[in-house]
Amino acid sequence: MEIVNSKSAVLSNYEVEKYLEGTPCRYQNPEVIQNFLTILPQKGFKFTKAEKLQLVNLRPVTPVEIQLIVEDSEERITEDQIDELISLIKEHLPDGSNDIYPNGT
């Protein structure tokens, strides 16, 4: 495999922003994210940085979505913990269905 232009695969800030506008993370702000990430270890969850990023960006609300994000989820978290995580996500990461955090602020 030959790389013709190594920078051609880099996304611009504009492209990233346009993509994120179509995802649940557009309703979040730094305060909301920090609060959520602070609560996870308090509740006994230990996730990698990549898993935390995906939880915040994708805002999963089904057990299947959680299992796809968390590597070796069958060994690391129980079904009850998955349900608790979904509750935490619904409680702490806005989805745009209410106006508490309009435009992510």
Protein backbone atom coordinates (compact mmCIF):
# COMPACT_ATOMS: atom_id res chain seq x y z
CA MET A 1 0.00 0.00 0.00
CA GLU A 2 1.36 3.37 -0.97
CA ILE A 3 0.39 6.62 0.70
CA VAL A 4 0.23 9.25 -1.99
CA ASN A 5 -0.61 12.23 0.20
CA SER A 6 -0.35 11.61 3.93
CA LYS A 7 -2.35 14.72 4.81
CA SER A 8 -5.27 13.96 2.52
CA ALA A 9 -6.90 11.78 5.19
CA VAL A 10 -6.87 14.52 7.84
CA LEU A 11 -10.26 16.02 8.54
CA SER A 12 -10.61 19.75 8.88
CA ASN A 13 -12.19 21.31 11.95
CA TYR A 14 -15.14 22.25 9.76
CA GLU A 15 -15.68 18.64 8.66
CA VAL A 16 -15.50 17.39 12.24
CA GLU A 17 -17.90 20.08 13.43
CA LYS A 18 -20.38 19.32 10.65
CA TYR A 19 -20.27 15.62 11.53
CA LEU A 20 -20.72 16.24 15.26
CA GLU A 21 -23.73 18.48 14.62
CA GLY A 22 -25.60 15.33 13.63
CA THR A 23 -24.75 13.45 16.82
CA PRO A 24 -26.04 13.63 20.40
CA CYS A 25 -22.81 15.24 21.60
CA ARG A 26 -23.88 18.54 20.04
CA TYR A 27 -26.07 19.13 23.11
CA GLN A 28 -23.21 18.79 25.55
CA ASN A 29 -20.83 21.32 26.99
CA PRO A 30 -17.60 21.02 28.99
CA GLU A 31 -19.41 21.26 32.34
CA VAL A 32 -21.84 18.46 31.47
CA ILE A 33 -19.05 16.24 30.18
CA GLN A 34 -16.82 16.85 33.22
CA ASN A 35 -19.71 16.10 35.56
CA PHE A 36 -20.46 12.83 33.76
CA LEU A 37 -16.81 11.76 33.70
CA THR A 38 -16.49 12.55 37.42
CA ILE A 39 -19.51 10.42 38.30
CA LEU A 40 -18.33 7.30 36.44
CA PRO A 41 -15.50 6.34 38.84
CA GLN A 42 -17.65 7.29 41.83
CA LYS A 43 -20.12 4.65 40.68
CA GLY A 44 -17.35 2.08 40.24
CA PHE A 45 -16.96 2.25 36.47
CA LYS A 46 -13.46 1.96 35.03
CA PHE A 47 -13.30 2.79 31.35
CA THR A 48 -10.43 3.56 29.02
CA LYS A 49 -10.05 7.05 27.58
CA ALA A 50 -11.34 5.80 24.23
CA GLU A 51 -14.40 4.22 25.86
CA LYS A 52 -15.16 7.43 27.77
CA LEU A 53 -14.86 9.44 24.57
CA GLN A 54 -17.28 7.12 22.79
CA LEU A 55 -19.73 7.19 25.70
CA VAL A 56 -19.77 10.98 25.58
CA ASN A 57 -19.85 11.32 21.80
CA LEU A 58 -22.33 8.55 21.01
CA ARG A 59 -24.54 8.75 24.13
CA PRO A 60 -25.54 5.06 24.00
CA VAL A 61 -28.94 4.21 25.49
CA THR A 62 -29.25 0.49 24.84
CA PRO A 63 -27.30 -2.46 26.25
CA VAL A 64 -26.15 -3.42 22.75
CA GLU A 65 -24.61 0.01 22.18
CA ILE A 66 -22.78 -0.21 25.52
CA GLN A 67 -21.48 -3.68 24.66
CA LEU A 68 -20.15 -2.40 21.35
CA ILE A 69 -18.31 0.47 23.03
CA VAL A 70 -16.87 -1.31 26.07
CA GLU A 71 -14.19 -3.80 25.16
CA ASP A 72 -14.71 -7.20 26.81
CA SER A 73 -17.94 -5.88 28.31
CA GLU A 74 -19.13 -9.36 29.28
CA GLU A 75 -16.14 -9.69 31.60
CA ARG A 76 -15.93 -6.11 32.83
CA ILE A 77 -19.50 -5.03 33.57
CA THR A 78 -22.66 -6.83 34.62
CA GLU A 79 -26.12 -6.38 33.15
CA ASP A 80 -27.12 -4.40 36.24
CA GLN A 81 -24.12 -2.11 35.74
CA ILE A 82 -25.09 -1.64 32.10
CA ASP A 83 -28.58 -0.59 33.20
CA GLU A 84 -27.06 1.78 35.77
CA LEU A 85 -24.74 3.24 33.12
CA ILE A 86 -27.66 3.82 30.76
CA SER A 87 -29.51 5.61 33.57
CA LEU A 88 -26.45 7.79 34.24
CA ILE A 89 -26.14 8.63 30.56
CA LYS A 90 -29.81 9.57 30.30
CA GLU A 91 -29.57 11.64 33.47
CA HIS A 92 -26.29 13.45 32.83
CA LEU A 93 -25.80 13.67 29.06
CA PRO A 94 -28.51 15.74 27.36
CA ASP A 95 -30.04 14.44 24.15
CA GLY A 96 -31.80 17.58 22.99
CA SER A 97 -35.27 16.42 23.98
CA ASN A 98 -35.49 19.17 26.57
CA ASP A 99 -34.37 22.78 26.53
CA ILE A 100 -32.16 22.65 29.62
CA TYR A 101 -29.04 22.74 27.44
CA PRO A 102 -30.02 24.43 24.18
CA ASN A 103 -27.23 24.42 21.61
CA GLY A 104 -24.94 22.59 24.02
CA THR A 105 -24.62 25.53 26.41
